Amino acid sequence: MTETRFETKEIQGTLKILNFNEITQQGCYVLLDTGQLVRVPTQAIGPETKPTITIHQQGITRAALLTENDAELVSTLRDIAITNNIQPKF
């Protein structure tokens, strides 16, 4: 009988989780209730910037910051989400 070994990824830290309307830095976020990806560029943040993304739903929309790089590869973002027990739908 052959023994099979699986390597598991160790979570290096926890993701920053915040309400969607509290996002103040650029990056790639995953919406926790839907698993959808939201990219927030630098141009979308600032005191004189109108919101470029609006979500209309009941309740609070929570998001987790996957990376501060808003141009990160989707495959890398999926890996980060899965490593942190978030099911991505992107």
PDB file of N, CA and C in Angstrom:
ATOM      1  N   MET A   1       0.848  -1.182   0.000  1.00  0.00           N
ATOM      2  CA  MET A   1       0.000   0.000   0.000  1.00  0.00           C
ATOM      3  C   MET A   1       0.892   1.243   0.000  1.00  0.00           C
ATOM      4  N   THR A   2       0.593   2.180  -0.838  1.00  0.00           N
ATOM      5  CA  THR A   2       1.370   3.405  -0.945  1.00  0.00           C
ATOM      6  C   THR A   2       0.784   4.480  -0.042  1.00  0.00           C
ATOM      7  N   GLU A   3       1.672   5.158   0.680  1.00  0.00           N
ATOM      8  CA  GLU A   3       1.224   6.242   1.562  1.00  0.00           C
ATOM      9  C   GLU A   3       1.209   7.549   0.772  1.00  0.00           C
ATOM     10  N   THR A   4       0.111   8.287   0.874  1.00  0.00           N
ATOM     11  CA  THR A   4      -0.018   9.566   0.188  1.00  0.00           C
ATOM     12  C   THR A   4       0.055  10.685   1.212  1.00  0.00           C
ATOM     13  N   ARG A   5       0.863  11.668   0.936  1.00  0.00           N
ATOM     14  CA  ARG A   5       0.985  12.820   1.833  1.00  0.00           C
ATOM     15  C   ARG A   5       0.479  14.066   1.127  1.00  0.00           C
ATOM     16  N   PHE A   6      -0.245  14.871   1.860  1.00  0.00           N
ATOM     17  CA  PHE A   6      -0.756  16.123   1.329  1.00  0.00           C
ATOM     18  C   PHE A   6      -0.126  17.259   2.106  1.00  0.00           C
ATOM     19  N   GLU A   7       0.312  18.271   1.401  1.00  0.00           N
ATOM     20  CA  GLU A   7       0.818  19.462   2.072  1.00  0.00           C
ATOM     21  C   GLU A   7      -0.329  20.441   2.251  1.00  0.00           C
ATOM     22  N   THR A   8      -0.412  21.033   3.410  1.00  0.00           N
ATOM     23  CA  THR A   8      -1.437  22.043   3.639  1.00  0.00           C
ATOM     24  C   THR A   8      -0.771  23.402   3.750  1.00  0.00           C
ATOM     25  N   LYS A   9      -1.451  24.387   3.230  1.00  0.00           N
ATOM     26  CA  LYS A   9      -0.927  25.748   3.328  1.00  0.00           C
ATOM     27  C   LYS A   9      -1.196  26.287   4.721  1.00  0.00           C
ATOM     28  N   GLU A  10      -0.201  26.901   5.296  1.00  0.00           N
ATOM     29  CA  GLU A  10      -0.384  27.495   6.613  1.00  0.00           C
ATOM     30  C   GLU A  10      -0.780  28.953   6.431  1.00  0.00           C
ATOM     31  N   ILE A  11      -1.791  29.361   7.147  1.00  0.00           N
ATOM     32  CA  ILE A  11      -2.238  30.748   7.055  1.00  0.00           C
ATOM     33  C   ILE A  11      -1.223  31.619   7.785  1.00  0.00           C
ATOM     34  N   GLN A  12      -0.640  32.562   7.068  1.00  0.00           N
ATOM     35  CA  GLN A  12       0.389  33.424   7.635  1.00  0.00           C
ATOM     36  C   GLN A  12      -0.188  34.504   8.533  1.00  0.00           C
ATOM     37  N   GLY A  13      -1.388  34.863   8.329  1.00  0.00           N
ATOM     38  CA  GLY A  13      -2.026  35.916   9.117  1.00  0.00           C
ATOM     39  C   GLY A  13      -3.502  35.940   8.788  1.00  0.00           C
ATOM     40  N   THR A  14      -4.194  36.850   9.363  1.00  0.00           N
ATOM     41  CA  THR A  14      -5.612  36.943   9.068  1.00  0.00           C
ATOM     42  C   THR A  14      -5.848  38.123   8.136  1.00  0.00           C
ATOM     43  N   LEU A  15      -6.900  38.027   7.383  1.00  0.00           N
ATOM     44  CA  LEU A  15      -7.247  39.100   6.459  1.00  0.00           C
ATOM     45  C   LEU A  15      -7.947  40.221   7.204  1.00  0.00           C
ATOM     46  N   LYS A  16      -7.753  41.413   6.720  1.00  0.00           N
ATOM     47  CA  LYS A  16      -8.447  42.577   7.279  1.00  0.00           C
ATOM     48  C   LYS A  16      -9.883  42.548   6.771  1.00  0.00           C
ATOM     49  N   ILE A  17     -10.853  42.513   7.693  1.00  0.00           N
ATOM     50  CA  ILE A  17     -12.264  42.487   7.328  1.00  0.00           C
ATOM     51  C   ILE A  17     -12.908  43.785   7.770  1.00  0.00           C
ATOM     52  N   LEU A  18     -13.676  44.399   6.865  1.00  0.00           N
ATOM     53  CA  LEU A  18     -14.308  45.670   7.177  1.00  0.00           C
ATOM     54  C   LEU A  18     -15.609  45.809   6.403  1.00  0.00           C
ATOM     55  N   ASN A  19     -16.411  46.775   6.783  1.00  0.00           N
ATOM     56  CA  ASN A  19     -17.632  47.082   6.034  1.00  0.00           C
ATOM     57  C   ASN A  19     -17.228  47.696   4.704  1.00  0.00           C
ATOM     58  N   PHE A  20     -17.985  47.372   3.662  1.00  0.00           N
ATOM     59  CA  PHE A  20     -17.636  47.845   2.325  1.00  0.00           C
ATOM     60  C   PHE A  20     -17.515  49.366   2.262  1.00  0.00           C
ATOM     61  N   ASN A  21     -18.414  50.083   2.942  1.00  0.00           N
ATOM     62  CA  ASN A  21     -18.379  51.546   2.876  1.00  0.00           C
ATOM     63  C   ASN A  21     -17.256  52.147   3.712  1.00  0.00           C
ATOM     64  N   GLU A  22     -16.469  51.323   4.399  1.00  0.00           N
ATOM     65  CA  GLU A  22     -15.327  51.807   5.179  1.00  0.00           C
ATOM     66  C   GLU A  22     -13.991  51.591   4.471  1.00  0.00           C
ATOM     67  N   ILE A  23     -14.024  51.126   3.233  1.00  0.00           N
ATOM     68  CA  ILE A  23     -12.787  50.897   2.495  1.00  0.00           C
ATOM     69  C   ILE A  23     -12.103  52.228   2.223  1.00  0.00           C
ATOM     70  N   THR A  24     -10.851  52.321   2.648  1.00  0.00           N
ATOM     71  CA  THR A  24     -10.097  53.566   2.478  1.00  0.00           C
ATOM     72  C   THR A  24      -8.751  53.352   1.797  1.00  0.00           C
ATOM     73  N   GLN A  25      -8.478  52.140   1.354  1.00  0.00           N
ATOM     74  CA  GLN A  25      -7.209  51.905   0.681  1.00  0.00           C
ATOM     75  C   GLN A  25      -7.426  51.055  -0.557  1.00  0.00           C
ATOM     76  N   GLN A  26      -6.541  51.240  -1.526  1.00  0.00           N
ATOM     77  CA  GLN A  26      -6.633  50.481  -2.765  1.00  0.00           C
ATOM     78  C   GLN A  26      -6.371  49.015  -2.492  1.00  0.00           C
ATOM     79  N   GLY A  27      -6.813  48.176  -3.399  1.00  0.00           N
ATOM     80  CA  GLY A  27      -6.541  46.759  -3.277  1.00  0.00           C
ATOM     81  C   GLY A  27      -7.625  45.909  -3.882  1.00  0.00           C
ATOM     82  N   CYS A  28      -7.514  44.618  -3.637  1.00  0.00           N
ATOM     83  CA  CYS A  28      -8.501  43.651  -4.090  1.00  0.00           C
ATOM     84  C   CYS A  28      -9.216  43.105  -2.863  1.00  0.00           C
ATOM     85  N   TYR A  29     -10.536  43.163  -2.907  1.00  0.00           N
ATOM     86  CA  TYR A  29     -11.373  42.745  -1.796  1.00  0.00           C
ATOM     87  C   TYR A  29     -12.313  41.648  -2.275  1.00  0.00           C
ATOM     88  N   VAL A  30     -12.685  40.750  -1.364  1.00  0.00           N
ATOM     89  CA  VAL A  30     -13.701  39.758  -1.653  1.00  0.00           C
ATOM     90  C   VAL A  30     -14.891  40.055  -0.746  1.00  0.00           C
ATOM     91  N   LEU A  31     -16.090  40.084  -1.337  1.00  0.00           N
ATOM     92  CA  LEU A  31     -17.304  40.301  -0.557  1.00  0.00           C
ATOM     93  C   LEU A  31     -17.634  38.995   0.156  1.00  0.00           C
ATOM     94  N   LEU A  32     -17.735  39.038   1.464  1.00  0.00           N
ATOM     95  CA  LEU A  32     -17.890  37.819   2.246  1.00  0.00           C
ATOM     96  C   LEU A  32     -19.232  37.136   2.052  1.00  0.00           C
ATOM     97  N   ASP A  33     -20.273  37.887   1.744  1.00  0.00           N
ATOM     98  CA  ASP A  33     -21.583  37.256   1.587  1.00  0.00           C
ATOM     99  C   ASP A  33     -21.780  36.614   0.216  1.00  0.00           C
ATOM    100  N   THR A  34     -21.060  37.084  -0.799  1.00  0.00           N
ATOM    101  CA  THR A  34     -21.248  36.549  -2.152  1.00  0.00           C
ATOM    102  C   THR A  34     -20.006  35.867  -2.728  1.00  0.00           C
ATOM    103  N   GLY A  35     -18.831  36.171  -2.205  1.00  0.00           N
ATOM    104  CA  GLY A  35     -17.592  35.622  -2.746  1.00  0.00           C
ATOM    105  C   GLY A  35     -17.099  36.338  -3.983  1.00  0.00           C
ATOM    106  N   GLN A  36     -17.722  37.466  -4.323  1.00  0.00           N
ATOM    107  CA  GLN A  36     -17.336  38.216  -5.519  1.00  0.00           C
ATOM    108  C   GLN A  36     -16.113  39.092  -5.244  1.00  0.00           C
ATOM    109  N   LEU A  37     -15.344  39.318  -6.293  1.00  0.00           N
ATOM    110  CA  LEU A  37     -14.139  40.125  -6.230  1.00  0.00           C
ATOM    111  C   LEU A  37     -14.439  41.578  -6.568  1.00  0.00           C
ATOM    112  N   VAL A  38     -13.845  42.503  -5.801  1.00  0.00           N
ATOM    113  CA  VAL A  38     -13.954  43.928  -6.092  1.00  0.00           C
ATOM    114  C   VAL A  38     -12.542  44.498  -6.112  1.00  0.00           C
ATOM    115  N   ARG A  39     -12.178  45.119  -7.232  1.00  0.00           N
ATOM    116  CA  ARG A  39     -10.878  45.785  -7.330  1.00  0.00           C
ATOM    117  C   ARG A  39     -11.098  47.272  -7.077  1.00  0.00           C
ATOM    118  N   VAL A  40     -10.342  47.818  -6.137  1.00  0.00           N
ATOM    119  CA  VAL A  40     -10.475  49.233  -5.786  1.00  0.00           C
ATOM    120  C   VAL A  40      -9.157  49.921  -6.138  1.00  0.00           C
ATOM    121  N   PRO A  41      -9.133  50.704  -7.242  1.00  0.00           N
ATOM    122  CA  PRO A  41      -7.917  51.410  -7.629  1.00  0.00           C
ATOM    123  C   PRO A  41      -7.728  52.676  -6.793  1.00  0.00           C
ATOM    124  N   THR A  42      -6.542  53.220  -6.829  1.00  0.00           N
ATOM    125  CA  THR A  42      -6.219  54.439  -6.091  1.00  0.00           C
ATOM    126  C   THR A  42      -7.158  55.578  -6.462  1.00  0.00           C
ATOM    127  N   GLN A  43      -7.545  55.660  -7.740  1.00  0.00           N
ATOM    128  CA  GLN A  43      -8.401  56.739  -8.209  1.00  0.00           C
ATOM    129  C   GLN A  43      -9.785  56.701  -7.568  1.00  0.00           C
ATOM    130  N   ALA A  44     -10.178  55.570  -7.018  1.00  0.00           N
ATOM    131  CA  ALA A  44     -11.516  55.437  -6.430  1.00  0.00           C
ATOM    132  C   ALA A  44     -11.553  55.854  -4.962  1.00  0.00           C
ATOM    133  N   ILE A  45     -10.414  56.240  -4.422  1.00  0.00           N
ATOM    134  CA  ILE A  45     -10.345  56.575  -3.003  1.00  0.00           C
ATOM    135  C   ILE A  45      -9.820  57.993  -2.832  1.00  0.00           C
ATOM    136  N   GLY A  46     -10.444  58.732  -1.954  1.00  0.00           N
ATOM    137  CA  GLY A  46      -9.999  60.082  -1.664  1.00  0.00           C
ATOM    138  C   GLY A  46     -11.144  60.955  -1.228  1.00  0.00           C
ATOM    139  N   PRO A  47     -10.836  62.052  -0.551  1.00  0.00           N
ATOM    140  CA  PRO A  47     -11.900  62.909  -0.031  1.00  0.00           C
ATOM    141  C   PRO A  47     -12.734  63.587  -1.114  1.00  0.00           C
ATOM    142  N   GLU A  48     -12.161  63.823  -2.272  1.00  0.00           N
ATOM    143  CA  GLU A  48     -12.886  64.511  -3.340  1.00  0.00           C
ATOM    144  C   GLU A  48     -13.430  63.541  -4.393  1.00  0.00           C
ATOM    145  N   THR A  49     -13.275  62.268  -4.155  1.00  0.00           N
ATOM    146  CA  THR A  49     -13.707  61.257  -5.124  1.00  0.00           C
ATOM    147  C   THR A  49     -15.113  60.782  -4.790  1.00  0.00           C
ATOM    148  N   LYS A  50     -15.970  60.782  -5.797  1.00  0.00           N
ATOM    149  CA  LYS A  50     -17.302  60.216  -5.626  1.00  0.00           C
ATOM    150  C   LYS A  50     -17.168  58.693  -5.659  1.00  0.00           C
ATOM    151  N   PRO A  51     -18.022  57.985  -4.953  1.00  0.00           N
ATOM    152  CA  PRO A  51     -17.929  56.523  -5.003  1.00  0.00           C
ATOM    153  C   PRO A  51     -18.114  56.014  -6.427  1.00  0.00           C
ATOM    154  N   THR A  52     -17.210  55.159  -6.865  1.00  0.00           N
ATOM    155  CA  THR A  52     -17.326  54.596  -8.202  1.00  0.00           C
ATOM    156  C   THR A  52     -18.050  53.256  -8.175  1.00  0.00           C
ATOM    157  N   ILE A  53     -18.186  52.668  -6.990  1.00  0.00           N
ATOM    158  CA  ILE A  53     -18.886  51.404  -6.834  1.00  0.00           C
ATOM    159  C   ILE A  53     -19.934  51.577  -5.752  1.00  0.00           C
ATOM    160  N   THR A  54     -21.159  51.218  -6.072  1.00  0.00           N
ATOM    161  CA  THR A  54     -22.238  51.303  -5.094  1.00  0.00           C
ATOM    162  C   THR A  54     -22.941  49.956  -5.044  1.00  0.00           C
ATOM    163  N   ILE A  55     -23.177  49.464  -3.840  1.00  0.00           N
ATOM    164  CA  ILE A  55     -23.887  48.200  -3.663  1.00  0.00           C
ATOM    165  C   ILE A  55     -25.184  48.506  -2.945  1.00  0.00           C
ATOM    166  N   HIS A  56     -26.291  48.065  -3.526  1.00  0.00           N
ATOM    167  CA  HIS A  56     -27.598  48.278  -2.918  1.00  0.00           C
ATOM    168  C   HIS A  56     -28.131  46.938  -2.426  1.00  0.00           C
ATOM    169  N   GLN A  57     -28.158  46.773  -1.123  1.00  0.00           N
ATOM    170  CA  GLN A  57     -28.730  45.571  -0.528  1.00  0.00           C
ATOM    171  C   GLN A  57     -29.041  45.858   0.924  1.00  0.00           C
ATOM    172  N   GLN A  58     -29.864  45.031   1.505  1.00  0.00           N
ATOM    173  CA  GLN A  58     -30.196  45.212   2.907  1.00  0.00           C
ATOM    174  C   GLN A  58     -29.047  44.700   3.754  1.00  0.00           C
ATOM    175  N   GLY A  59     -28.832  45.358   4.875  1.00  0.00           N
ATOM    176  CA  GLY A  59     -27.781  44.929   5.786  1.00  0.00           C
ATOM    177  C   GLY A  59     -26.426  45.483   5.406  1.00  0.00           C
ATOM    178  N   ILE A  60     -25.452  45.053   6.149  1.00  0.00           N
ATOM    179  CA  ILE A  60     -24.078  45.522   5.963  1.00  0.00           C
ATOM    180  C   ILE A  60     -23.341  44.565   5.037  1.00  0.00           C
ATOM    181  N   THR A  61     -22.611  45.122   4.089  1.00  0.00           N
ATOM    182  CA  THR A  61     -21.785  44.322   3.201  1.00  0.00           C
ATOM    183  C   THR A  61     -20.375  44.324   3.755  1.00  0.00           C
ATOM    184  N   ARG A  62     -19.890  43.140   4.111  1.00  0.00           N
ATOM    185  CA  ARG A  62     -18.544  43.027   4.658  1.00  0.00           C
ATOM    186  C   ARG A  62     -17.600  42.528   3.571  1.00  0.00           C
ATOM    187  N   ALA A  63     -16.375  43.040   3.615  1.00  0.00           N
ATOM    188  CA  ALA A  63     -15.372  42.666   2.623  1.00  0.00           C
ATOM    189  C   ALA A  63     -14.062  42.342   3.327  1.00  0.00           C
ATOM    190  N   ALA A  64     -13.284  41.469   2.721  1.00  0.00           N
ATOM    191  CA  ALA A  64     -11.968  41.122   3.231  1.00  0.00           C
ATOM    192  C   ALA A  64     -10.923  41.578   2.227  1.00  0.00           C
ATOM    193  N   LEU A  65      -9.899  42.255   2.716  1.00  0.00           N
ATOM    194  CA  LEU A  65      -8.803  42.713   1.867  1.00  0.00           C
ATOM    195  C   LEU A  65      -7.897  41.529   1.559  1.00  0.00           C
ATOM    196  N   LEU A  66      -7.807  41.153   0.286  1.00  0.00           N
ATOM    197  CA  LEU A  66      -6.945  40.053  -0.126  1.00  0.00           C
ATOM    198  C   LEU A  66      -5.518  40.530  -0.339  1.00  0.00           C
ATOM    199  N   THR A  67      -5.379  41.694  -0.982  1.00  0.00           N
ATOM    200  CA  THR A  67      -4.062  42.278  -1.238  1.00  0.00           C
ATOM    201  C   THR A  67      -4.219  43.762  -1.513  1.00  0.00           C
ATOM    202  N   GLU A  68      -3.178  44.526  -1.244  1.00  0.00           N
ATOM    203  CA  GLU A  68      -3.204  45.965  -1.535  1.00  0.00           C
ATOM    204  C   GLU A  68      -2.905  46.244  -3.000  1.00  0.00           C
ATOM    205  N   ASN A  69      -2.515  45.224  -3.750  1.00  0.00           N
ATOM    206  CA  ASN A  69      -2.229  45.363  -5.172  1.00  0.00           C
ATOM    207  C   ASN A  69      -3.532  45.174  -5.946  1.00  0.00           C
ATOM    208  N   ASP A  70      -4.064  46.256  -6.488  1.00  0.00           N
ATOM    209  CA  ASP A  70      -5.345  46.172  -7.190  1.00  0.00           C
ATOM    210  C   ASP A  70      -5.237  45.515  -8.568  1.00  0.00           C
ATOM    211  N   ALA A  71      -4.028  45.154  -9.003  1.00  0.00           N
ATOM    212  CA  ALA A  71      -3.839  44.510 -10.294  1.00  0.00           C
ATOM    213  C   ALA A  71      -3.348  43.063 -10.139  1.00  0.00           C
ATOM    214  N   GLU A  72      -3.519  42.481  -8.973  1.00  0.00           N
ATOM    215  CA  GLU A  72      -3.056  41.111  -8.703  1.00  0.00           C
ATOM    216  C   GLU A  72      -3.773  40.110  -9.610  1.00  0.00           C
ATOM    217  N   LEU A  73      -3.097  39.035  -9.944  1.00  0.00           N
ATOM    218  CA  LEU A  73      -3.678  37.993 -10.783  1.00  0.00           C
ATOM    219  C   LEU A  73      -4.838  37.311 -10.068  1.00  0.00           C
ATOM    220  N   VAL A  74      -5.866  36.969 -10.835  1.00  0.00           N
ATOM    221  CA  VAL A  74      -7.050  36.319 -10.280  1.00  0.00           C
ATOM    222  C   VAL A  74      -6.682  34.987  -9.628  1.00  0.00           C
ATOM    223  N   SER A  75      -5.780  34.234 -10.226  1.00  0.00           N
ATOM    224  CA  SER A  75      -5.393  32.942  -9.660  1.00  0.00           C
ATOM    225  C   SER A  75      -4.755  33.111  -8.277  1.00  0.00           C
ATOM    226  N   THR A  76      -3.961  34.138  -8.109  1.00  0.00           N
ATOM    227  CA  THR A  76      -3.350  34.414  -6.804  1.00  0.00           C
ATOM    228  C   THR A  76      -4.413  34.819  -5.799  1.00  0.00           C
ATOM    229  N   LEU A  77      -5.366  35.641  -6.230  1.00  0.00           N
ATOM    230  CA  LEU A  77      -6.444  36.080  -5.341  1.00  0.00           C
ATOM    231  C   LEU A  77      -7.302  34.908  -4.894  1.00  0.00           C
ATOM    232  N   ARG A  78      -7.573  33.984  -5.800  1.00  0.00           N
ATOM    233  CA  ARG A  78      -8.341  32.781  -5.438  1.00  0.00           C
ATOM    234  C   ARG A  78      -7.598  31.972  -4.381  1.00  0.00           C
ATOM    235  N   ASP A  79      -6.289  31.809  -4.570  1.00  0.00           N
ATOM    236  CA  ASP A  79      -5.481  31.062  -3.603  1.00  0.00           C
ATOM    237  C   ASP A  79      -5.521  31.707  -2.222  1.00  0.00           C
ATOM    238  N   ILE A  80      -5.412  33.022  -2.174  1.00  0.00           N
ATOM    239  CA  ILE A  80      -5.452  33.732  -0.891  1.00  0.00           C
ATOM    240  C   ILE A  80      -6.798  33.522  -0.217  1.00  0.00           C
ATOM    241  N   ALA A  81      -7.864  33.645  -0.985  1.00  0.00           N
ATOM    242  CA  ALA A  81      -9.207  33.464  -0.427  1.00  0.00           C
ATOM    243  C   ALA A  81      -9.381  32.054   0.120  1.00  0.00           C
ATOM    244  N   ILE A  82      -9.039  31.056  -0.669  1.00  0.00           N
ATOM    245  CA  ILE A  82      -9.216  29.664  -0.259  1.00  0.00           C
ATOM    246  C   ILE A  82      -8.367  29.348   0.965  1.00  0.00           C
ATOM    247  N   THR A  83      -7.151  29.857   1.005  1.00  0.00           N
ATOM    248  CA  THR A  83      -6.280  29.642   2.155  1.00  0.00           C
ATOM    249  C   THR A  83      -6.895  30.201   3.430  1.00  0.00           C
ATOM    250  N   ASN A  84      -7.722  31.237   3.276  1.00  0.00           N
ATOM    251  CA  ASN A  84      -8.355  31.870   4.429  1.00  0.00           C
ATOM    252  C   ASN A  84      -9.809  31.448   4.587  1.00  0.00           C
ATOM    253  N   ASN A  85     -10.148  30.272   4.050  1.00  0.00           N
ATOM    254  CA  ASN A  85     -11.487  29.669   4.193  1.00  0.00           C
ATOM    255  C   ASN A  85     -12.619  30.547   3.645  1.00  0.00           C
ATOM    256  N   ILE A  86     -12.354  31.218   2.534  1.00  0.00           N
ATOM    257  CA  ILE A  86     -13.370  32.004   1.848  1.00  0.00           C
ATOM    258  C   ILE A  86     -13.567  31.362   0.473  1.00  0.00           C
ATOM    259  N   GLN A  87     -14.799  31.055   0.132  1.00  0.00           N
ATOM    260  CA  GLN A  87     -15.096  30.439  -1.159  1.00  0.00           C
ATOM    261  C   GLN A  87     -15.223  31.527  -2.223  1.00  0.00           C
ATOM    262  N   PRO A  88     -14.226  31.679  -3.107  1.00  0.00           N
ATOM    263  CA  PRO A  88     -14.313  32.716  -4.134  1.00  0.00           C
ATOM    264  C   PRO A  88     -15.288  32.328  -5.230  1.00  0.00           C
ATOM    265  N   LYS A  89     -15.964  33.332  -5.783  1.00  0.00           N
ATOM    266  CA  LYS A  89     -16.857  33.118  -6.920  1.00  0.00           C
ATOM    267  C   LYS A  89     -16.444  34.049  -8.052  1.00  0.00           C
ATOM    268  N   PHE A  90     -15.155  34.049  -8.317  1.00  0.00           N
ATOM    269  CA  PHE A  90     -14.597  34.856  -9.409  1.00  0.00           C
ATOM    270  C   PHE A  90     -13.539  34.051 -10.122  1.00  0.00           C
TER     271      PHE A  90
END
